[in-house]
Amino acid sequence: MKLIIALIQPHKLPDVKEALNAAGVNKMTVLNALGAGQQGGYAESFRGVKYETNLLKKVRLEIAVNDDFVQPTVDAIIKGARSGKIGDGKIFVLDLPECIRIRTGETGPAAIG
C-alpha cells in the first residue's frame, strides 16, 4: 500500500481528476495549499505599492492505493497536471503501513478498496 501526495496547479485539478477517472482511480482527498518551490513566487504592484508574493496557491491531492495502482495513478497525475512550465508541481509516493476502514473494521489492502 502506498500514499500518493501530489501538489498541482489549481486550474489543472479538473484535468487530473479526468485522467485519474480514466485510470480507474476514483477515491481521493483534495485540499487547498500554499507553497513555494523552485518557482519562488512573483512581484506585483497594487495601487503603486510593490509587494512580493512567495507563497502560491496549490492543490494537494492525497490518494491511498494498493501497490498495483501506484504507477497508473502517478502516470494519470502527470498526464493531467503537466504543462511543461515551471510550477507544475510534485508527486510524493510514501509507504502506507496500515489502513483501516472505520465503518467495517477492514484493514490493509481491503480497506483501501
N, C-alpha and C. Protein backbone atom coordinates (compact mmCIF):
# COMPACT_ATOMS: atom_id res chain seq x y z
N MET A 1 0.85 -1.17 0.00
CA MET A 1 0.00 0.00 0.00
C MET A 1 0.89 1.24 0.00
N LYS A 2 0.44 2.25 -0.73
CA LYS A 2 1.19 3.50 -0.85
C LYS A 2 0.23 4.67 -0.67
N LEU A 3 0.80 5.77 -0.19
CA LEU A 3 0.08 7.04 -0.12
C LEU A 3 0.75 7.95 -1.13
N ILE A 4 -0.01 8.41 -2.10
CA ILE A 4 0.50 9.31 -3.13
C ILE A 4 0.01 10.71 -2.79
N ILE A 5 0.95 11.63 -2.66
CA ILE A 5 0.65 13.03 -2.39
C ILE A 5 1.12 13.82 -3.61
N ALA A 6 0.23 14.58 -4.19
CA ALA A 6 0.57 15.40 -5.35
C ALA A 6 0.21 16.85 -5.07
N LEU A 7 1.12 17.75 -5.39
CA LEU A 7 0.86 19.18 -5.31
C LEU A 7 0.81 19.69 -6.74
N ILE A 8 -0.33 20.25 -7.14
CA ILE A 8 -0.53 20.66 -8.52
C ILE A 8 -1.09 22.08 -8.59
N GLN A 9 -1.11 22.64 -9.79
CA GLN A 9 -1.73 23.94 -10.02
C GLN A 9 -3.25 23.80 -9.88
N PRO A 10 -3.90 24.77 -9.23
CA PRO A 10 -5.35 24.67 -9.03
C PRO A 10 -6.15 24.51 -10.32
N HIS A 11 -5.76 25.19 -11.38
CA HIS A 11 -6.54 25.12 -12.63
C HIS A 11 -6.37 23.79 -13.35
N LYS A 12 -5.43 22.95 -12.90
CA LYS A 12 -5.22 21.63 -13.50
C LYS A 12 -6.03 20.53 -12.82
N LEU A 13 -6.72 20.84 -11.73
CA LEU A 13 -7.47 19.83 -10.99
C LEU A 13 -8.51 19.10 -11.85
N PRO A 14 -9.32 19.78 -12.66
CA PRO A 14 -10.28 19.03 -13.50
C PRO A 14 -9.60 18.05 -14.46
N ASP A 15 -8.47 18.45 -15.04
CA ASP A 15 -7.74 17.57 -15.95
C ASP A 15 -7.19 16.36 -15.23
N VAL A 16 -6.66 16.57 -14.01
CA VAL A 16 -6.11 15.47 -13.23
C VAL A 16 -7.22 14.52 -12.81
N LYS A 17 -8.35 15.04 -12.36
CA LYS A 17 -9.48 14.19 -11.98
C LYS A 17 -9.95 13.35 -13.15
N GLU A 18 -10.02 13.95 -14.33
CA GLU A 18 -10.45 13.22 -15.53
C GLU A 18 -9.47 12.09 -15.86
N ALA A 19 -8.17 12.39 -15.77
CA ALA A 19 -7.14 11.37 -16.06
C ALA A 19 -7.19 10.26 -15.01
N LEU A 20 -7.40 10.60 -13.75
CA LEU A 20 -7.49 9.59 -12.70
C LEU A 20 -8.72 8.70 -12.90
N ASN A 21 -9.84 9.30 -13.24
CA ASN A 21 -11.05 8.50 -13.50
C ASN A 21 -10.84 7.54 -14.66
N ALA A 22 -10.15 7.99 -15.70
CA ALA A 22 -9.86 7.13 -16.84
C ALA A 22 -8.94 5.97 -16.45
N ALA A 23 -8.09 6.19 -15.44
CA ALA A 23 -7.18 5.15 -14.95
C ALA A 23 -7.83 4.25 -13.91
N GLY A 24 -9.09 4.51 -13.56
CA GLY A 24 -9.79 3.68 -12.58
C GLY A 24 -9.56 4.08 -11.15
N VAL A 25 -9.06 5.30 -10.93
CA VAL A 25 -8.82 5.80 -9.57
C VAL A 25 -9.88 6.87 -9.29
N ASN A 26 -10.80 6.57 -8.38
CA ASN A 26 -11.91 7.49 -8.11
C ASN A 26 -11.89 8.06 -6.70
N LYS A 27 -11.05 7.51 -5.83
CA LYS A 27 -11.05 7.94 -4.43
C LYS A 27 -9.85 8.84 -4.19
N MET A 28 -10.10 10.02 -3.63
CA MET A 28 -9.01 10.95 -3.35
C MET A 28 -9.46 11.98 -2.33
N THR A 29 -8.50 12.62 -1.71
CA THR A 29 -8.76 13.75 -0.83
C THR A 29 -8.11 14.96 -1.49
N VAL A 30 -8.84 16.08 -1.54
CA VAL A 30 -8.34 17.29 -2.19
C VAL A 30 -8.33 18.41 -1.16
N LEU A 31 -7.18 19.07 -1.02
CA LEU A 31 -7.00 20.16 -0.07
C LEU A 31 -6.41 21.37 -0.77
N ASN A 32 -6.78 22.56 -0.33
CA ASN A 32 -6.12 23.77 -0.79
C ASN A 32 -4.83 23.94 -0.01
N ALA A 33 -3.79 24.40 -0.68
CA ALA A 33 -2.50 24.56 -0.02
C ALA A 33 -1.81 25.82 -0.53
N LEU A 34 -0.85 26.30 0.24
CA LEU A 34 0.03 27.39 -0.17
C LEU A 34 1.45 26.87 -0.12
N GLY A 35 2.27 27.28 -1.07
CA GLY A 35 3.64 26.82 -1.04
C GLY A 35 4.49 27.51 -2.09
N ALA A 36 5.77 27.25 -2.00
CA ALA A 36 6.72 27.78 -2.97
C ALA A 36 7.80 26.74 -3.19
N GLY A 37 8.19 26.62 -4.42
CA GLY A 37 9.26 25.70 -4.78
C GLY A 37 10.30 26.46 -5.57
N GLN A 38 10.78 25.84 -6.62
CA GLN A 38 11.78 26.46 -7.47
C GLN A 38 11.27 27.75 -8.09
N GLN A 39 9.96 27.81 -8.31
CA GLN A 39 9.33 28.98 -8.90
C GLN A 39 9.59 30.23 -8.06
N GLY A 40 9.53 30.10 -6.74
CA GLY A 40 9.90 31.17 -5.84
C GLY A 40 8.87 32.24 -5.58
N GLY A 41 7.89 32.43 -6.44
CA GLY A 41 6.89 33.47 -6.24
C GLY A 41 6.96 34.52 -7.34
N TYR A 42 6.34 35.66 -7.08
CA TYR A 42 6.33 36.73 -8.07
C TYR A 42 6.12 38.06 -7.38
N ALA A 43 6.43 39.15 -8.08
CA ALA A 43 6.24 40.51 -7.56
C ALA A 43 5.12 41.17 -8.34
N GLU A 44 4.30 41.94 -7.62
CA GLU A 44 3.19 42.67 -8.23
C GLU A 44 3.16 44.08 -7.71
N SER A 45 2.42 44.91 -8.40
CA SER A 45 2.21 46.28 -7.97
C SER A 45 0.71 46.49 -7.79
N PHE A 46 0.32 47.01 -6.63
CA PHE A 46 -1.09 47.27 -6.34
C PHE A 46 -1.21 48.71 -5.88
N ARG A 47 -1.91 49.53 -6.67
CA ARG A 47 -2.08 50.95 -6.38
C ARG A 47 -0.73 51.63 -6.13
N GLY A 48 0.22 51.28 -6.95
CA GLY A 48 1.53 51.90 -6.89
C GLY A 48 2.46 51.34 -5.83
N VAL A 49 1.98 50.41 -5.03
CA VAL A 49 2.82 49.81 -3.99
C VAL A 49 3.25 48.43 -4.48
N LYS A 50 4.55 48.20 -4.48
CA LYS A 50 5.08 46.92 -4.94
C LYS A 50 5.12 45.94 -3.77
N TYR A 51 4.66 44.73 -4.01
CA TYR A 51 4.76 43.70 -2.97
C TYR A 51 5.11 42.38 -3.62
N GLU A 52 5.71 41.50 -2.82
CA GLU A 52 6.18 40.22 -3.32
C GLU A 52 5.36 39.10 -2.72
N THR A 53 4.93 38.18 -3.55
CA THR A 53 4.19 37.01 -3.10
C THR A 53 5.09 35.80 -3.28
N ASN A 54 5.43 35.13 -2.18
CA ASN A 54 6.30 33.96 -2.31
C ASN A 54 5.59 32.66 -1.93
N LEU A 55 4.34 32.72 -1.52
CA LEU A 55 3.54 31.52 -1.29
C LEU A 55 2.42 31.51 -2.32
N LEU A 56 2.45 30.52 -3.19
CA LEU A 56 1.49 30.44 -4.28
C LEU A 56 0.41 29.42 -3.98
N LYS A 57 -0.77 29.61 -4.56
CA LYS A 57 -1.88 28.67 -4.36
C LYS A 57 -1.59 27.37 -5.10
N LYS A 58 -1.80 26.27 -4.40
CA LYS A 58 -1.64 24.93 -4.95
C LYS A 58 -2.81 24.08 -4.49
N VAL A 59 -2.97 22.93 -5.11
CA VAL A 59 -3.95 21.93 -4.67
C VAL A 59 -3.16 20.69 -4.28
N ARG A 60 -3.50 20.13 -3.13
CA ARG A 60 -2.84 18.92 -2.64
C ARG A 60 -3.81 17.76 -2.76
N LEU A 61 -3.40 16.74 -3.49
CA LEU A 61 -4.17 15.51 -3.62
C LEU A 61 -3.53 14.44 -2.76
N GLU A 62 -4.32 13.70 -2.03
CA GLU A 62 -3.84 12.56 -1.26
C GLU A 62 -4.65 11.35 -1.71
N ILE A 63 -3.93 10.33 -2.18
CA ILE A 63 -4.59 9.15 -2.72
C ILE A 63 -3.91 7.91 -2.15
N ALA A 64 -4.65 7.09 -1.43
CA ALA A 64 -4.14 5.81 -0.93
C ALA A 64 -4.47 4.74 -1.95
N VAL A 65 -3.45 3.99 -2.38
CA VAL A 65 -3.66 2.96 -3.40
C VAL A 65 -2.94 1.68 -3.01
N ASN A 66 -3.44 0.58 -3.55
CA ASN A 66 -2.73 -0.69 -3.43
C ASN A 66 -1.55 -0.67 -4.41
N ASP A 67 -0.58 -1.53 -4.18
CA ASP A 67 0.67 -1.49 -4.94
C ASP A 67 0.48 -1.56 -6.45
N ASP A 68 -0.52 -2.30 -6.92
CA ASP A 68 -0.70 -2.43 -8.37
C ASP A 68 -1.29 -1.18 -9.02
N PHE A 69 -1.76 -0.21 -8.24
CA PHE A 69 -2.31 1.03 -8.77
C PHE A 69 -1.34 2.21 -8.68
N VAL A 70 -0.15 2.01 -8.13
CA VAL A 70 0.78 3.12 -7.95
C VAL A 70 1.16 3.75 -9.28
N GLN A 71 1.69 2.96 -10.20
CA GLN A 71 2.17 3.53 -11.46
C GLN A 71 1.05 4.13 -12.30
N PRO A 72 -0.12 3.46 -12.45
CA PRO A 72 -1.21 4.10 -13.20
C PRO A 72 -1.66 5.43 -12.59
N THR A 73 -1.65 5.51 -11.24
CA THR A 73 -2.05 6.74 -10.56
C THR A 73 -1.06 7.85 -10.83
N VAL A 74 0.23 7.56 -10.68
CA VAL A 74 1.27 8.55 -10.93
C VAL A 74 1.22 9.02 -12.39
N ASP A 75 1.07 8.07 -13.32
CA ASP A 75 1.01 8.43 -14.74
C ASP A 75 -0.19 9.33 -15.04
N ALA A 76 -1.33 9.04 -14.42
CA ALA A 76 -2.53 9.85 -14.64
C ALA A 76 -2.35 11.26 -14.10
N ILE A 77 -1.74 11.40 -12.92
CA ILE A 77 -1.50 12.73 -12.36
C ILE A 77 -0.57 13.53 -13.27
N ILE A 78 0.48 12.89 -13.74
CA ILE A 78 1.42 13.58 -14.64
C ILE A 78 0.70 13.99 -15.93
N LYS A 79 -0.10 13.09 -16.49
CA LYS A 79 -0.81 13.39 -17.73
C LYS A 79 -1.73 14.61 -17.56
N GLY A 80 -2.43 14.68 -16.44
CA GLY A 80 -3.38 15.77 -16.22
C GLY A 80 -2.75 17.07 -15.77
N ALA A 81 -1.60 17.01 -15.08
CA ALA A 81 -1.03 18.21 -14.47
C ALA A 81 0.10 18.85 -15.27
N ARG A 82 0.70 18.12 -16.17
CA ARG A 82 1.89 18.63 -16.86
C ARG A 82 1.53 19.70 -17.90
N SER A 83 2.19 20.85 -17.76
CA SER A 83 2.10 21.89 -18.78
C SER A 83 3.45 22.13 -19.43
N GLY A 84 4.51 21.62 -18.79
CA GLY A 84 5.86 21.82 -19.29
C GLY A 84 6.49 23.10 -18.79
N LYS A 85 5.78 23.82 -17.94
CA LYS A 85 6.30 25.09 -17.40
C LYS A 85 6.66 24.91 -15.94
N ILE A 86 7.50 25.80 -15.44
CA ILE A 86 7.89 25.75 -14.04
C ILE A 86 6.64 25.91 -13.17
N GLY A 87 6.57 25.17 -12.07
CA GLY A 87 5.44 25.26 -11.16
C GLY A 87 4.37 24.20 -11.38
N ASP A 88 4.64 23.21 -12.24
CA ASP A 88 3.66 22.14 -12.48
C ASP A 88 3.37 21.34 -11.22
N GLY A 89 4.34 21.21 -10.32
CA GLY A 89 4.09 20.53 -9.06
C GLY A 89 5.02 19.38 -8.79
N LYS A 90 4.68 18.60 -7.78
CA LYS A 90 5.48 17.46 -7.33
C LYS A 90 4.54 16.31 -6.97
N ILE A 91 5.11 15.10 -7.04
CA ILE A 91 4.40 13.90 -6.59
C ILE A 91 5.31 13.17 -5.62
N PHE A 92 4.76 12.79 -4.48
CA PHE A 92 5.48 12.03 -3.47
C PHE A 92 4.78 10.68 -3.30
N VAL A 93 5.54 9.61 -3.28
CA VAL A 93 4.99 8.27 -3.06
C VAL A 93 5.57 7.75 -1.75
N LEU A 94 4.70 7.54 -0.77
CA LEU A 94 5.12 7.13 0.57
C LEU A 94 4.58 5.74 0.88
N ASP A 95 5.32 4.98 1.67
CA ASP A 95 4.81 3.70 2.17
C ASP A 95 3.66 3.97 3.13
N LEU A 96 2.66 3.12 3.04
CA LEU A 96 1.49 3.22 3.92
C LEU A 96 1.41 1.93 4.72
N PRO A 97 1.89 1.93 5.96
CA PRO A 97 1.98 0.69 6.72
C PRO A 97 0.62 0.08 7.08
N GLU A 98 -0.40 0.90 7.25
CA GLU A 98 -1.69 0.36 7.67
C GLU A 98 -2.81 1.27 7.20
N CYS A 99 -3.94 0.66 6.90
CA CYS A 99 -5.16 1.39 6.55
C CYS A 99 -6.32 0.65 7.19
N ILE A 100 -7.23 1.39 7.81
CA ILE A 100 -8.37 0.79 8.49
C ILE A 100 -9.64 1.51 8.03
N ARG A 101 -10.60 0.76 7.55
CA ARG A 101 -11.89 1.34 7.19
C ARG A 101 -12.73 1.39 8.46
N ILE A 102 -13.10 2.56 8.86
CA ILE A 102 -13.80 2.76 10.14
C ILE A 102 -15.14 2.03 10.16
N ARG A 103 -15.90 2.12 9.07
CA ARG A 103 -17.25 1.56 9.05
C ARG A 103 -17.27 0.06 9.27
N THR A 104 -16.35 -0.68 8.62
CA THR A 104 -16.39 -2.13 8.68
C THR A 104 -15.29 -2.77 9.53
N GLY A 105 -14.25 -1.99 9.82
CA GLY A 105 -13.12 -2.53 10.56
C GLY A 105 -12.13 -3.28 9.69
N GLU A 106 -12.35 -3.28 8.35
CA GLU A 106 -11.39 -3.93 7.45
C GLU A 106 -10.03 -3.26 7.56
N THR A 107 -8.98 -4.05 7.37
CA THR A 107 -7.63 -3.49 7.43
C THR A 107 -6.85 -3.88 6.19
N GLY A 108 -5.75 -3.17 5.99
CA GLY A 108 -4.84 -3.49 4.87
C GLY A 108 -5.42 -3.13 3.51
N PRO A 109 -5.00 -3.85 2.46
CA PRO A 109 -5.43 -3.55 1.09
C PRO A 109 -6.95 -3.59 0.91
N ALA A 110 -7.64 -4.42 1.66
CA ALA A 110 -9.11 -4.50 1.55
C ALA A 110 -9.77 -3.19 1.99
N ALA A 111 -9.14 -2.49 2.92
CA ALA A 111 -9.71 -1.23 3.42
C ALA A 111 -9.58 -0.11 2.39
N ILE A 112 -8.58 -0.19 1.52
CA ILE A 112 -8.40 0.84 0.50
C ILE A 112 -9.42 0.65 -0.61
N GLY A 113 -9.68 -0.58 -0.97
CA GLY A 113 -10.71 -0.88 -1.96
C GLY A 113 -10.23 -0.99 -3.36
